[in-house]
């Protein structure tokens, strides 16, 4: 992302071990384009669903989201098979 000019890196003033990132103007533009695309895809997929059906989907998927939302940081460096086995036990 730094090489593409989407973020800049700078030193933290309080902790010299830390590097901070800041989104550049080009990065902001890229984020907005990505957001627009994601919203269009969501609209394309869900435009003919009723609001009740959308609420039901959210209700059904909430436990899945709760279970997996914090796992990425704990398992990001593990092989897929290890992650798979941990999540089935």
Protein backbone atom coordinates (compact mmCIF):
# COMPACT_ATOMS: atom_id res chain seq x y z
CA UNK A 1 0.00 0.00 0.00
CA UNK A 2 2.93 2.31 0.70
CA UNK A 3 4.46 1.55 -2.70
CA UNK A 4 1.16 2.39 -4.40
CA UNK A 5 0.94 5.71 -2.53
CA UNK A 6 -2.20 4.77 -0.62
CA UNK A 7 -0.68 5.28 2.84
CA UNK A 8 2.28 7.08 4.35
CA UNK A 9 4.29 5.85 7.31
CA UNK A 10 5.61 7.99 10.15
CA UNK A 11 7.19 7.54 13.58
CA UNK A 12 5.08 7.65 16.72
CA UNK A 13 6.11 10.61 18.87
CA UNK A 14 5.50 8.84 22.21
CA UNK A 15 6.83 5.38 21.35
CA UNK A 16 9.80 5.21 18.98
CA UNK A 17 9.22 1.47 18.41
CA UNK A 18 5.88 2.17 16.76
CA UNK A 19 5.28 3.14 13.14
CA UNK A 20 2.01 4.85 12.29
CA UNK A 21 0.16 4.79 8.98
CA UNK A 22 -1.95 7.54 7.47
CA UNK A 23 -4.24 7.20 4.47
CA UNK A 24 -3.23 9.54 1.64
CA UNK A 25 -5.60 11.47 -0.62
CA UNK A 26 -5.07 8.77 -3.25
CA UNK A 27 -5.85 6.15 -0.59
CA UNK A 28 -9.06 7.98 0.35
CA UNK A 29 -10.14 8.01 -3.30
CA UNK A 30 -9.39 4.30 -3.60
CA UNK A 31 -11.37 3.56 -0.43
CA UNK A 32 -14.36 5.52 -1.70
CA UNK A 33 -14.29 3.66 -5.03
CA UNK A 34 -14.08 0.34 -3.18
CA UNK A 35 -16.94 1.34 -0.89
CA UNK A 36 -19.09 2.29 -3.87
CA UNK A 37 -18.33 -1.04 -5.54
CA UNK A 38 -19.14 -3.05 -2.40
CA UNK A 39 -22.43 -1.21 -1.96
CA UNK A 40 -23.33 -1.84 -5.62
CA UNK A 41 -22.55 -5.55 -5.24
CA UNK A 42 -24.67 -5.74 -2.08
CA UNK A 43 -27.52 -3.93 -3.84
CA UNK A 44 -27.21 -6.24 -6.84
CA UNK A 45 -27.39 -9.32 -4.63
CA UNK A 46 -30.16 -8.16 -2.31
CA UNK A 47 -32.34 -5.81 -4.34
CA UNK A 48 -35.21 -8.27 -4.74
CA UNK A 49 -35.23 -9.48 -1.12
CA UNK A 50 -37.86 -8.16 1.24
CA UNK A 51 -36.80 -6.30 4.36
CA UNK A 52 -38.16 -9.18 6.45
CA UNK A 53 -35.95 -11.65 4.58
CA UNK A 54 -32.92 -9.41 5.05
CA UNK A 55 -33.61 -9.18 8.79
CA UNK A 56 -33.98 -12.97 8.96
CA UNK A 57 -30.62 -13.43 7.22
CA UNK A 58 -28.96 -11.09 9.70
CA UNK A 59 -30.59 -12.90 12.61
CA UNK A 60 -29.44 -16.29 11.31
CA UNK A 61 -25.87 -15.16 10.60
CA UNK A 62 -25.31 -13.21 13.83
CA UNK A 63 -23.99 -16.25 15.79
CA UNK A 64 -21.60 -17.08 12.93
CA UNK A 65 -20.29 -13.51 12.88
CA UNK A 66 -19.89 -13.49 16.66
CA UNK A 67 -17.94 -16.75 16.60
CA UNK A 68 -15.54 -15.86 13.81
CA UNK A 69 -15.09 -12.09 14.15
CA UNK A 70 -12.24 -12.29 16.67
CA UNK A 71 -10.55 -15.38 15.29
CA UNK A 72 -8.56 -13.76 12.51
CA UNK A 73 -5.98 -12.14 14.77
CA UNK A 74 -5.48 -15.34 16.76
CA UNK A 75 -5.18 -17.62 13.74
CA UNK A 76 -3.80 -15.48 10.93
CA UNK A 77 -0.36 -17.14 10.88
CA UNK A 78 -1.58 -20.71 11.17
CA UNK A 79 -1.96 -23.13 8.27
CA UNK A 80 -5.50 -23.57 7.00
CA UNK A 81 -5.72 -27.21 8.11
CA UNK A 82 -4.86 -26.24 11.71
CA UNK A 83 -7.51 -23.52 11.67
CA UNK A 84 -10.03 -25.95 10.21
CA UNK A 85 -9.36 -28.56 12.89
CA UNK A 86 -9.51 -26.02 15.73
CA UNK A 87 -12.86 -24.74 14.54
CA UNK A 88 -14.40 -28.18 14.28
CA UNK A 89 -13.48 -29.26 17.79
